[in-house]
Amino acid sequence: MVATEPQPGLDGGAAGPDPIVEVSGLRVGIASGRTIVEDVEFSIRPGEILGVVGESGSGKTTVGMTLLGYVRDGARVTAGSVRLDGRELVGAEESALRELRGHRVSYVSQDPSAAFNPALRIRKQLLAFMRVHDREASTEELGARIDEVFDEVALPADREFQNRYPHQLSGGQLQRVAIAVALLLKPPLIVLDEPTTGLDVTSQEKILRLVRDLCTRHEIAALYVTHDLAVVADIADTVMVMRFGRVVERAPARDIFCSPKAEYTRELIAAAPDLVVGDATDSAERRPIDPSAALSVRGLSARYGSRTVIRDIDFDLHRGECLALVGESGSGKSTLSKALIGLHADYSGSVALEGQEIPNRAIRRPLAARREMQYIFQSPHTSLNPRRTVAESVGLVHAAVGGARRTREDDIREVLDKVGLEDRHAVALPWQLSGGERQRASIARALVAKPKVLICDEVTSALDVIVQDQILELLRRLQSEEHLSMVFVTHNLAVVSELADRIMVMQHGSIVEEGEAHQVLHRPEHEYTRQLVGNTLSIQAVREERWV
């Protein structure tokens, strides 16, 4: 039974504007006969933001995609209705759906790198997109709209930036471009699927304010799919909680976060990491750390061509320590992490693993070094081979680092179990998994090598809060039992507060503050660090400021 309450102008209370979209009795099934979405109902009115939360695989994205008249390969809508501006999308001709997409409804995907052609410059792609929908406007007029929307999403409107290729932008910058594309034609409905996943807290705050402002000023309806409950608390008017393809609770945001009715909703909120500024009680005591260095970095400066992006980085990563690397998109975090693992070789300075300096390029490093240092990529959508099963991808790493063939199957099963994947996931291809499941597979692929140093690049950004909590617990246990050392690259300071022993803050390619986690988070010294902490969303802070 779905826990819902009427609310003014939304679900049966006082009269309001007609909904932009109405969904009733929606059921989506796959060819095997299994139902993946069952009996979903909701509506969204102009200016309203409906937040949809739940575990990976709960059906959040599937529901969101039906608002564009789309279901994934092998699936189909088997019952129900989806009406956009009064027009039925279920069963509509593809030509009619193409006419609606872009003009009446737009979409922002979870993974921006998959949304752009890597061989074309950003501006050229945006001009081509707009030209499909407006064949009469001049190139100058289309370009002016691109400049306008880039300014709205806090991106440079200059030609040098717009003429970059997708790979030349940071993950956060590319996500903002994806949001800009969705805004170009000013549609009345936007479906946002984890749109701030790749953004640092400062950029996230700007984008959330932008989305909220656009929805209010232009009466845009939005369906906001996310696993970040703090984001939902901050931006959503109404929240719909999903599990196993069904809605377990739907209510105004205040009711969801102050007095949730469903037990599952309470579990989600309890599992969500939350940074409470000024409260250092949970991390005041630093656990004992082996003072010897697992990894030593001296004078590291990295370049892209003639442009220096990180400068004179010095630090030691101690055995069994989690060192968090935080900062805005474009600050140099990912470049530094890739230099450490040998995937960005254009750097000066030195990287030493347990006292032994290692070559710049991964391919030139000894087998032991490649085994003992493993990397988990930010995007699970592009880091797994689409033609190999999860077990095959994990097995390739096991073989590459010299794992015994006779124990391979057992080792694979053991590591998949550690990250919460079952036998059915082992034989699945990446496209058959949710985003969170794919990231767990990526983590398993790194862990199967039994590394001493793990470099994690936004590894929890694609995970729902319950699985994220499980992964963080796994990493904490690995640190404790196996003295695993980690460089943890992230923009999520709430996660940092639960995992990190020490924090380095990067800005414009340099370290501006470094210290023990509780000191940096609760008594930051640098103005930039104070800005990051101040922009971090908190469920408790939203409750206190708005609802209590």
Protein backbone atom coordinates (compact mmCIF):
# COMPACT_ATOMS: atom_id res chain seq x y z
CA MET A 1 0.00 0.00 0.00
CA VAL A 2 1.37 3.39 -1.00
CA ALA A 3 1.54 5.97 1.78
CA THR A 4 0.28 9.24 0.32
CA GLU A 5 -1.37 12.39 1.54
CA PRO A 6 -3.23 15.04 -0.44
CA GLN A 7 -1.51 18.39 -0.72
CA PRO A 8 -2.74 21.73 -2.01
CA GLY A 9 -2.58 21.92 -5.78
CA LEU A 10 -0.76 18.59 -6.09
CA ASP A 11 -2.65 15.43 -5.15
CA GLY A 12 -6.22 16.34 -4.66
CA GLY A 13 -6.18 19.35 -2.36
CA ALA A 14 -6.96 22.91 -3.42
CA ALA A 15 -7.33 23.56 -7.12
CA GLY A 16 -4.18 24.44 -9.05
CA PRO A 17 -3.03 24.59 -12.66
CA ASP A 18 -3.59 21.50 -14.78
CA PRO A 19 -0.71 19.01 -14.62
CA ILE A 20 1.90 19.03 -17.38
CA VAL A 21 2.20 15.28 -17.07
CA GLU A 22 -0.15 12.64 -15.65
CA VAL A 23 0.82 9.01 -15.11
CA SER A 24 -1.69 6.38 -14.03
CA GLY A 25 -1.54 2.61 -13.59
CA LEU A 26 1.87 2.43 -15.31
CA ARG A 27 3.28 -1.05 -15.73
CA VAL A 28 6.51 -1.88 -17.59
CA GLY A 29 7.61 -5.44 -18.31
CA ILE A 30 10.43 -7.23 -20.10
CA ALA A 31 10.38 -10.05 -22.64
CA SER A 32 10.85 -12.75 -19.99
CA GLY A 33 7.52 -11.72 -18.49
CA ARG A 34 9.00 -10.07 -15.41
CA THR A 35 7.40 -6.79 -14.40
CA ILE A 36 9.95 -4.07 -13.55
CA VAL A 37 7.52 -1.21 -12.85
CA GLU A 38 4.08 -1.83 -11.38
CA ASP A 39 1.06 0.43 -10.78
CA VAL A 40 2.88 3.78 -10.69
CA GLU A 41 0.74 6.91 -10.48
CA PHE A 42 1.64 10.59 -10.14
CA SER A 43 1.21 14.00 -11.75
CA ILE A 44 3.45 17.06 -11.99
CA ARG A 45 2.10 20.59 -12.28
CA PRO A 46 3.82 23.66 -13.75
CA GLY A 47 6.55 24.88 -11.44
CA GLU A 48 6.54 21.68 -9.37
CA ILE A 49 9.56 19.42 -8.82
CA LEU A 50 8.83 15.77 -8.08
CA GLY A 51 11.83 14.00 -6.54
CA VAL A 52 12.03 10.24 -7.16
CA VAL A 53 14.30 8.25 -4.83
CA GLY A 54 15.03 4.60 -4.15
CA GLU A 55 17.69 1.93 -4.50
CA SER A 56 19.44 1.15 -7.75
CA GLY A 57 17.13 -1.05 -9.80
CA SER A 58 13.98 0.29 -8.11
CA GLY A 59 12.58 1.58 -11.41
CA LYS A 60 13.32 5.31 -10.95
CA THR A 61 14.99 5.82 -14.32
CA THR A 62 12.52 3.54 -16.11
CA VAL A 63 9.65 5.72 -14.91
CA GLY A 64 11.49 8.88 -15.88
CA MET A 65 12.16 7.62 -19.41
CA THR A 66 8.47 6.85 -20.02
CA LEU A 67 7.86 10.61 -19.85
CA LEU A 68 9.82 10.82 -23.09
CA GLY A 69 7.87 7.93 -24.60
CA TYR A 70 10.86 5.64 -24.27
CA VAL A 71 11.56 2.27 -22.67
CA ARG A 72 14.85 0.37 -22.83
CA ASP A 73 15.48 -2.46 -25.29
CA GLY A 74 13.58 -5.60 -24.38
CA ALA A 75 11.01 -3.74 -22.28
CA ARG A 76 7.58 -2.32 -23.06
CA VAL A 77 4.70 -0.57 -21.36
CA THR A 78 2.14 -3.29 -20.71
CA ALA A 79 -0.51 -1.18 -18.99
CA GLY A 80 -1.35 2.32 -17.91
CA SER A 81 -1.23 5.83 -19.31
CA VAL A 82 1.39 8.59 -19.65
CA ARG A 83 -0.10 11.90 -20.78
CA LEU A 84 2.03 14.95 -21.60
CA ASP A 85 0.12 18.18 -22.19
CA GLY A 86 -2.96 16.00 -22.63
CA ARG A 87 -1.31 13.85 -25.34
CA GLU A 88 -1.03 10.10 -24.73
CA LEU A 89 2.55 8.82 -25.09
CA VAL A 90 1.83 5.11 -24.62
CA GLY A 91 1.39 3.65 -28.07
CA ALA A 92 2.16 6.94 -29.87
CA GLU A 93 3.96 6.88 -33.23
CA GLU A 94 7.69 7.45 -33.10
CA SER A 95 7.39 10.51 -35.33
CA ALA A 96 5.00 12.12 -32.84
CA LEU A 97 7.35 11.32 -29.97
CA ARG A 98 10.31 12.86 -31.79
CA GLU A 99 8.32 16.05 -32.22
CA LEU A 100 7.67 16.22 -28.47
CA ARG A 101 11.25 15.49 -27.37
CA GLY A 102 13.28 18.63 -27.00
CA HIS A 103 10.35 21.01 -27.50
CA ARG A 104 7.91 19.70 -24.86
CA VAL A 105 10.11 17.44 -22.76
CA SER A 106 13.88 17.25 -22.39
CA TYR A 107 16.22 14.88 -20.60
CA VAL A 108 19.44 15.18 -18.63
CA SER A 109 21.20 11.83 -18.30
CA GLN A 110 23.17 10.45 -15.38
CA ASP A 111 26.34 10.04 -17.45
CA PRO A 112 27.20 13.14 -19.52
CA SER A 113 30.15 11.48 -21.27
CA ALA A 114 27.73 9.13 -23.06
CA ALA A 115 25.57 12.04 -24.24
CA PHE A 116 28.12 13.65 -26.56
CA ASN A 117 30.05 12.66 -29.67
CA PRO A 118 33.70 12.48 -28.58
CA ALA A 119 34.90 13.42 -32.09
CA LEU A 120 33.00 16.73 -32.34
CA ARG A 121 33.54 20.02 -30.55
CA ILE A 122 30.92 21.00 -27.97
CA ARG A 123 29.66 24.12 -29.76
CA LYS A 124 29.27 22.27 -33.06
CA GLN A 125 27.15 19.60 -31.37
CA LEU A 126 24.89 22.16 -29.72
CA LEU A 127 24.43 24.08 -32.96
CA ALA A 128 23.51 20.85 -34.76
CA PHE A 129 20.98 19.98 -32.03
CA MET A 130 19.31 23.37 -32.25
CA ARG A 131 19.29 23.33 -36.05
CA VAL A 132 17.24 20.11 -36.03
CA HIS A 133 14.52 21.94 -34.10
CA ASP A 134 14.83 25.39 -35.72
CA ARG A 135 15.77 25.50 -39.39
CA GLU A 136 14.87 29.18 -39.84
CA ALA A 137 17.11 30.86 -37.23
CA SER A 138 20.54 32.15 -38.21
CA THR A 139 23.74 30.67 -36.82
CA GLU A 140 24.27 33.92 -34.92
CA GLU A 141 20.85 33.63 -33.27
CA LEU A 142 21.45 30.01 -32.30
CA GLY A 143 24.90 30.89 -30.99
CA ALA A 144 23.46 33.70 -28.88
CA ARG A 145 21.05 31.24 -27.22
CA ILE A 146 23.97 28.87 -26.52
CA ASP A 147 25.92 31.73 -24.91
CA GLU A 148 22.88 32.64 -22.83
CA VAL A 149 22.29 29.17 -21.48
CA PHE A 150 26.01 28.60 -20.81
CA ASP A 151 25.95 31.68 -18.63
CA GLU A 152 22.87 30.32 -16.81
CA VAL A 153 24.65 27.08 -15.90
CA ALA A 154 27.88 28.87 -14.84
CA LEU A 155 30.02 27.84 -17.83
CA PRO A 156 32.30 30.15 -19.84
CA ALA A 157 30.51 31.57 -22.89
CA ASP A 158 33.79 32.21 -24.74
CA ARG A 159 34.59 30.37 -27.98
CA GLU A 160 37.76 28.78 -26.64
CA PHE A 161 35.76 26.84 -24.05
CA GLN A 162 32.84 26.01 -26.34
CA ASN A 163 35.20 24.72 -29.03
CA ARG A 164 36.74 22.11 -26.75
CA TYR A 165 36.09 18.40 -27.26
CA PRO A 166 34.10 16.54 -24.57
CA HIS A 167 37.20 14.82 -23.17
CA GLN A 168 38.79 18.22 -22.52
CA LEU A 169 36.12 19.10 -19.93
CA SER A 170 35.93 17.82 -16.39
CA GLY A 171 33.05 15.55 -15.43
CA GLY A 172 31.28 18.39 -13.68
CA GLN A 173 31.74 20.77 -16.60
CA LEU A 174 30.40 18.19 -19.05
CA GLN A 175 27.34 17.60 -16.87
CA ARG A 176 26.61 21.30 -16.90
CA VAL A 177 26.81 21.26 -20.70
CA ALA A 178 24.26 18.42 -20.70
CA ILE A 179 21.95 20.52 -18.53
CA ALA A 180 22.45 23.44 -20.90
CA VAL A 181 21.33 21.28 -23.84
CA ALA A 182 18.14 20.38 -21.97
CA LEU A 183 17.39 24.07 -21.41
CA LEU A 184 18.08 25.29 -24.96
CA LEU A 185 14.50 24.95 -26.24
CA LYS A 186 12.82 25.95 -22.95
CA PRO A 187 10.54 22.88 -22.67
CA PRO A 188 7.69 22.81 -20.08
CA LEU A 189 8.89 19.45 -18.69
CA ILE A 190 12.41 18.31 -17.83
CA VAL A 191 13.40 14.83 -16.70
CA LEU A 192 16.63 14.97 -14.71
CA ASP A 193 18.36 11.65 -14.02
CA GLU A 194 21.03 12.25 -11.35
CA PRO A 195 22.01 15.61 -12.92
CA THR A 196 24.36 16.69 -10.13
CA THR A 197 26.14 13.37 -9.66
CA GLY A 198 29.38 14.65 -11.22
CA LEU A 199 29.30 18.09 -9.64
CA ASP A 200 31.23 19.45 -6.68
CA VAL A 201 29.19 21.01 -3.90
CA THR A 202 29.65 24.58 -5.11
CA SER A 203 28.58 23.79 -8.67
CA GLN A 204 25.79 21.55 -7.37
CA GLU A 205 24.40 24.40 -5.30
CA LYS A 206 24.40 26.66 -8.36
CA ILE A 207 22.67 24.05 -10.54
CA LEU A 208 20.02 23.27 -7.94
CA ARG A 209 19.29 26.96 -7.52
CA LEU A 210 19.15 27.27 -11.31
CA VAL A 211 16.73 24.34 -11.68
CA ARG A 212 14.55 25.66 -8.87
CA ASP A 213 14.58 29.19 -10.29
CA LEU A 214 13.79 28.04 -13.84
CA CYS A 215 10.93 25.86 -12.65
CA THR A 216 9.47 28.72 -10.63
CA ARG A 217 9.98 31.59 -13.10
CA HIS A 218 9.04 29.70 -16.26
CA GLU A 219 6.59 27.24 -14.64
CA ILE A 220 8.61 24.25 -15.78
CA ALA A 221 7.60 20.90 -14.34
CA ALA A 222 10.48 18.61 -13.40
CA LEU A 223 10.91 14.97 -12.48
CA TYR A 224 14.17 14.73 -10.54
CA VAL A 225 15.59 11.19 -10.21
CA THR A 226 18.35 10.88 -7.63
CA HIS A 227 19.77 8.80 -4.82
CA ASP A 228 20.98 11.89 -2.96
CA LEU A 229 18.37 12.49 -0.28
CA ALA A 230 19.94 15.80 0.77
CA VAL A 231 19.41 17.10 -2.77
CA VAL A 232 15.78 15.96 -2.73
CA ALA A 233 15.20 17.59 0.65
CA ASP A 234 16.64 20.83 -0.70
CA ILE A 235 14.87 21.04 -4.07
CA ALA A 236 11.75 18.85 -4.27
CA ASP A 237 8.19 19.90 -3.57
CA THR A 238 6.96 16.31 -3.54
CA VAL A 239 8.90 13.09 -3.04
CA MET A 240 8.08 9.65 -4.43
CA VAL A 241 9.94 6.71 -2.89
CA MET A 242 10.27 3.57 -5.04
CA ARG A 243 11.34 0.02 -4.32
CA PHE A 244 11.21 -3.06 -6.54
CA GLY A 245 9.30 -1.12 -9.20
CA ARG A 246 6.54 0.08 -6.90
CA VAL A 247 5.81 3.34 -5.12
CA VAL A 248 6.05 2.77 -1.36
CA GLU A 249 5.40 6.37 -0.32
CA ARG A 250 4.51 9.65 -1.97
CA ALA A 251 4.05 12.87 0.00
CA PRO A 252 5.20 16.48 0.33
CA ALA A 253 8.94 16.72 1.03
CA ARG A 254 8.34 18.00 4.56
CA ASP A 255 6.31 14.89 5.47
CA ILE A 256 8.85 12.52 3.92
CA PHE A 257 11.79 13.93 5.87
CA CYS A 258 10.05 14.87 9.12
CA SER A 259 7.49 12.07 9.55
CA PRO A 260 7.95 9.28 6.97
CA LYS A 261 5.27 6.60 7.12
CA ALA A 262 6.98 3.71 5.30
CA GLU A 263 9.69 1.71 7.04
CA TYR A 264 11.74 1.66 3.84
CA THR A 265 11.70 5.46 3.67
CA ARG A 266 13.00 5.59 7.22
CA GLU A 267 15.79 3.15 6.27
CA LEU A 268 16.83 5.34 3.32
CA ILE A 269 17.00 8.48 5.45
CA ALA A 270 18.94 6.69 8.19
CA ALA A 271 21.51 5.41 5.68
CA ALA A 272 22.12 8.82 4.08
CA PRO A 273 25.44 10.43 5.09
CA ASP A 274 24.91 13.90 6.49
CA LEU A 275 27.47 16.58 7.29
CA VAL A 276 26.32 18.75 10.17
CA VAL A 277 28.52 21.84 10.20
CA GLY A 278 30.03 22.50 13.60
CA ASP A 279 29.34 19.00 14.93
CA ALA A 280 32.70 17.27 15.28
CA THR A 281 31.62 14.61 17.77
CA ASP A 282 31.67 11.72 15.28
CA SER A 283 35.24 12.30 14.09
CA ALA A 284 37.02 14.11 16.87
CA GLU A 285 39.22 11.10 17.63
CA ARG A 286 41.46 9.97 14.79
CA ARG A 287 41.98 6.23 14.68
CA PRO A 288 45.61 4.99 14.90
CA ILE A 289 47.42 5.11 11.54
CA ASP A 290 50.69 3.41 10.60
CA PRO A 291 53.06 6.37 10.10
CA SER A 292 55.02 4.66 7.32
CA ALA A 293 54.20 5.82 3.80
CA ALA A 294 52.42 3.54 1.34
CA LEU A 295 52.66 6.25 -1.32
CA SER A 296 54.88 9.33 -1.48
CA VAL A 297 54.45 12.22 -3.91
CA ARG A 298 57.03 14.97 -4.32
CA GLY A 299 56.92 18.07 -6.51
CA LEU A 300 54.29 16.68 -8.88
CA SER A 301 53.21 19.10 -11.61
CA ALA A 302 51.03 17.86 -14.46
CA ARG A 303 50.23 19.37 -17.84
CA TYR A 304 47.86 19.10 -20.77
CA GLY A 305 50.06 20.22 -23.64
CA SER A 306 51.49 23.62 -22.68
CA ARG A 307 48.90 24.20 -19.93
CA THR A 308 49.88 23.29 -16.36
CA VAL A 309 46.86 22.00 -14.44
CA ILE A 310 48.40 20.90 -11.12
CA ARG A 311 51.45 22.43 -9.45
CA ASP A 312 54.06 21.21 -6.94
CA ILE A 313 51.97 18.63 -5.11
CA ASP A 314 53.64 17.02 -2.07
CA PHE A 315 52.06 14.48 0.27
CA ASP A 316 52.44 11.08 1.88
CA LEU A 317 49.65 8.49 2.02
CA HIS A 318 50.14 6.40 5.15
CA ARG A 319 49.49 2.68 5.39
CA GLY A 320 45.86 2.01 6.25
CA GLU A 321 44.90 5.67 5.80
CA CYS A 322 42.06 7.18 3.79
CA LEU A 323 43.18 10.49 2.33
CA ALA A 324 40.28 12.42 0.79
CA LEU A 325 40.99 14.77 -2.11
CA VAL A 326 38.24 17.37 -2.48
CA GLY A 327 37.65 20.47 -4.56
CA GLU A 328 35.56 21.91 -7.38
CA SER A 329 35.28 20.36 -10.83
CA GLY A 330 38.36 21.36 -12.80
CA SER A 331 40.51 21.82 -9.69
CA GLY A 332 42.86 19.01 -10.76
CA LYS A 333 41.62 16.16 -8.53
CA SER A 334 41.11 13.61 -11.29
CA THR A 335 44.29 14.64 -13.13
CA LEU A 336 46.29 14.06 -9.95
CA SER A 337 44.67 10.68 -9.33
CA LYS A 338 45.32 9.58 -12.93
CA ALA A 339 48.94 10.69 -12.66
CA LEU A 340 49.31 8.54 -9.53
CA ILE A 341 48.02 5.45 -11.31
CA GLY A 342 50.04 6.12 -14.46
CA LEU A 343 47.19 7.07 -16.80
CA HIS A 344 48.36 10.69 -17.16
CA ALA A 345 52.09 10.53 -17.83
CA ASP A 346 52.77 14.17 -18.70
CA TYR A 347 54.03 15.18 -15.29
CA SER A 348 57.25 16.09 -13.51
CA GLY A 349 58.15 15.16 -9.96
CA SER A 350 58.07 11.71 -8.42
CA VAL A 351 55.62 9.05 -7.24
CA ALA A 352 57.01 6.33 -4.96
CA LEU A 353 55.21 3.16 -3.90
CA GLU A 354 56.48 1.96 -0.51
CA GLY A 355 59.71 3.87 -1.02
CA GLN A 356 60.36 2.77 -4.61
CA GLU A 357 59.91 5.41 -7.31
CA ILE A 358 57.72 4.15 -10.15
CA PRO A 359 57.63 5.22 -13.82
CA ASN A 360 55.16 7.80 -15.09
CA ARG A 361 53.35 5.37 -17.41
CA ALA A 362 51.39 2.44 -16.00
CA ILE A 363 52.52 0.13 -18.79
CA ARG A 364 56.18 0.64 -17.77
CA ARG A 365 55.57 -0.15 -14.13
CA PRO A 366 56.52 -3.55 -12.66
CA LEU A 367 53.75 -6.13 -12.32
CA ALA A 368 53.88 -5.85 -8.53
CA ALA A 369 53.26 -2.09 -8.70
CA ARG A 370 50.35 -2.53 -11.10
CA ARG A 371 48.85 -5.13 -8.81
CA GLU A 372 49.37 -3.18 -5.61
CA MET A 373 47.87 0.05 -6.98
CA GLN A 374 44.34 -0.17 -8.37
CA TYR A 375 42.00 2.52 -9.71
CA ILE A 376 38.22 2.81 -9.65
CA PHE A 377 36.87 5.15 -12.30
CA GLN A 378 34.19 7.77 -11.79
CA SER A 379 31.83 6.55 -14.52
CA PRO A 380 30.66 2.93 -14.34
CA HIS A 381 28.93 3.41 -17.70
CA THR A 382 32.16 3.76 -19.69
CA SER A 383 34.70 1.86 -17.56
CA LEU A 384 33.30 -1.65 -18.15
CA ASN A 385 33.66 -3.51 -21.44
CA PRO A 386 30.11 -3.63 -22.88
CA ARG A 387 30.77 -7.01 -24.53
CA ARG A 388 32.00 -8.83 -21.42
CA THR A 389 30.01 -10.10 -18.47
CA VAL A 390 30.79 -8.79 -15.01
CA ALA A 391 32.58 -12.03 -14.11
CA GLU A 392 34.68 -11.84 -17.28
CA SER A 393 35.72 -8.23 -16.58
CA VAL A 394 36.72 -9.08 -13.02
CA GLY A 395 38.48 -12.22 -14.24
CA LEU A 396 40.59 -10.27 -16.72
CA VAL A 397 42.08 -8.20 -13.89
CA HIS A 398 42.61 -11.34 -11.83
CA ALA A 399 44.58 -12.84 -14.72
CA ALA A 400 46.45 -9.62 -15.52
CA VAL A 401 47.90 -9.33 -12.01
CA GLY A 402 48.99 -12.95 -11.92
CA GLY A 403 46.08 -14.54 -10.07
CA ALA A 404 46.03 -18.35 -10.04
CA ARG A 405 43.68 -19.91 -12.60
CA ARG A 406 42.58 -22.64 -10.16
CA THR A 407 41.25 -20.08 -7.65
CA ARG A 408 39.89 -17.57 -10.17
CA GLU A 409 36.25 -18.59 -10.04
CA ASP A 410 36.18 -18.63 -6.24
CA ASP A 411 38.03 -15.30 -6.01
CA ILE A 412 35.57 -13.69 -8.41
CA ARG A 413 32.57 -14.99 -6.49
CA GLU A 414 34.08 -13.82 -3.19
CA VAL A 415 34.74 -10.26 -4.35
CA LEU A 416 31.32 -9.91 -6.00
CA ASP A 417 29.71 -11.00 -2.77
CA LYS A 418 31.76 -8.38 -0.89
CA VAL A 419 30.29 -5.57 -2.97
CA GLY A 420 26.73 -6.91 -2.85
CA LEU A 421 26.42 -8.54 -6.29
CA GLU A 422 24.77 -11.93 -6.81
CA ASP A 423 25.33 -14.82 -9.23
CA ARG A 424 22.84 -13.30 -11.69
CA HIS A 425 24.92 -10.13 -11.82
CA ALA A 426 28.07 -12.13 -12.53
CA VAL A 427 26.70 -13.37 -15.87
CA ALA A 428 25.10 -10.04 -16.84
CA LEU A 429 26.43 -7.57 -19.41
CA PRO A 430 26.88 -3.94 -18.24
CA TRP A 431 23.78 -2.69 -20.10
CA GLN A 432 21.68 -5.15 -18.10
CA LEU A 433 22.68 -3.53 -14.81
CA SER A 434 21.60 -0.33 -13.11
CA GLY A 435 24.13 2.47 -12.65
CA GLY A 436 24.76 1.49 -9.05
CA GLU A 437 25.22 -2.17 -9.94
CA ARG A 438 27.75 -1.23 -12.61
CA GLN A 439 29.74 0.80 -10.11
CA ARG A 440 29.78 -2.10 -7.68
CA ALA A 441 31.14 -4.27 -10.50
CA SER A 442 33.87 -1.68 -11.11
CA ILE A 443 34.80 -1.73 -7.43
CA ALA A 444 34.92 -5.53 -7.45
CA ARG A 445 37.22 -5.46 -10.48
CA ALA A 446 39.73 -3.36 -8.53
CA LEU A 447 39.44 -5.32 -5.29
CA VAL A 448 40.07 -8.70 -6.94
CA ALA A 449 43.74 -7.71 -7.32
CA LYS A 450 43.97 -7.39 -3.51
CA PRO A 451 45.72 -4.01 -3.77
CA LYS A 452 47.62 -2.15 -1.08
CA VAL A 453 46.72 1.27 -2.49
CA LEU A 454 43.29 2.01 -3.92
CA ILE A 455 42.63 5.23 -5.83
CA CYS A 456 38.91 5.95 -5.84
CA ASP A 457 37.60 8.58 -8.26
CA GLU A 458 34.04 9.48 -7.14
CA VAL A 459 33.29 5.80 -6.54
CA THR A 460 30.08 6.33 -4.55
CA SER A 461 28.57 9.05 -6.74
CA ALA A 462 26.43 6.57 -8.72
CA LEU A 463 25.27 4.55 -5.70
CA ASP A 464 22.02 4.83 -3.80
CA VAL A 465 22.38 5.61 -0.11
CA ILE A 466 21.85 2.06 1.15
CA VAL A 467 24.41 0.53 -1.22
CA GLN A 468 26.71 3.51 -0.66
CA ASP A 469 26.56 2.84 3.06
CA GLN A 470 27.44 -0.81 2.41
CA ILE A 471 30.39 0.15 0.19
CA LEU A 472 31.70 2.65 2.72
CA GLU A 473 31.46 -0.01 5.41
CA LEU A 474 33.34 -2.42 3.12
CA LEU A 475 36.11 0.12 2.54
CA ARG A 476 36.35 0.83 6.27
CA ARG A 477 36.64 -2.90 6.96
CA LEU A 478 39.32 -3.32 4.30
CA GLN A 479 41.28 -0.50 5.87
CA SER A 480 41.02 -2.11 9.28
CA GLU A 481 41.62 -5.76 8.34
CA GLU A 482 44.01 -5.44 5.40
CA HIS A 483 45.58 -2.02 6.04
CA LEU A 484 44.33 -0.83 2.67
CA SER A 485 45.45 2.71 1.86
CA MET A 486 43.13 4.93 -0.17
CA VAL A 487 43.19 8.18 -2.06
CA PHE A 488 39.49 9.03 -2.12
CA VAL A 489 38.62 11.65 -4.74
CA THR A 490 35.16 13.09 -4.17
CA HIS A 491 33.00 16.19 -4.05
CA ASN A 492 30.71 14.70 -1.37
CA LEU A 493 31.86 16.07 1.97
CA ALA A 494 29.18 14.10 3.81
CA VAL A 495 30.80 10.88 2.57
CA VAL A 496 34.23 12.27 3.46
CA SER A 497 33.04 12.85 7.03
CA GLU A 498 32.25 9.14 7.39
CA LEU A 499 35.37 7.67 5.76
CA ALA A 500 38.38 9.98 5.61
CA ASP A 501 41.18 10.21 8.15
CA ARG A 502 42.76 13.22 6.46
CA ILE A 503 41.65 15.73 3.80
CA MET A 504 43.50 17.68 1.11
CA VAL A 505 41.58 20.54 -0.51
CA MET A 506 42.50 21.47 -4.09
CA GLN A 507 41.81 24.73 -5.88
CA HIS A 508 43.16 25.72 -9.30
CA GLY A 509 45.64 22.83 -9.27
CA SER A 510 47.17 23.52 -5.86
CA ILE A 511 46.61 22.22 -2.33
CA VAL A 512 45.14 25.11 -0.31
CA GLU A 513 44.43 23.24 2.93
CA GLU A 514 45.39 19.90 4.44
CA GLY A 515 44.66 18.38 7.81
CA GLU A 516 42.82 15.78 9.84
CA ALA A 517 39.26 15.27 8.65
CA HIS A 518 37.43 16.65 11.68
CA GLN A 519 39.64 19.76 11.69
CA VAL A 520 39.12 20.56 8.00
CA LEU A 521 35.36 19.85 8.01
CA HIS A 522 34.42 21.57 11.27
CA ARG A 523 37.11 24.22 11.73
CA PRO A 524 38.31 25.03 8.19
CA GLU A 525 41.01 27.68 7.91
CA HIS A 526 41.03 28.58 4.21
CA GLU A 527 38.19 30.68 2.79
CA TYR A 528 37.73 28.27 -0.11
CA THR A 529 37.34 25.32 2.29
CA ARG A 530 34.78 27.28 4.30
CA GLN A 531 32.88 27.89 1.06
CA LEU A 532 32.84 24.16 0.21
CA VAL A 533 31.63 23.21 3.69
CA GLY A 534 29.01 25.95 3.64
CA ASN A 535 27.62 24.76 0.30
CA THR A 536 27.30 21.12 1.41
CA LEU A 537 23.64 20.09 1.64
CA SER A 538 22.39 18.58 4.88
CA ILE A 539 19.05 16.90 5.54
CA GLN A 540 19.20 17.95 9.18
CA ALA A 541 19.95 21.56 8.21
CA VAL A 542 17.00 21.62 5.78
CA ARG A 543 14.70 20.26 8.51
CA GLU A 544 15.85 22.89 10.99
CA GLU A 545 15.77 25.83 8.57
CA ARG A 546 12.48 25.10 6.80
CA TRP A 547 10.27 22.67 8.62
CA VAL A 548 10.97 22.52 12.35
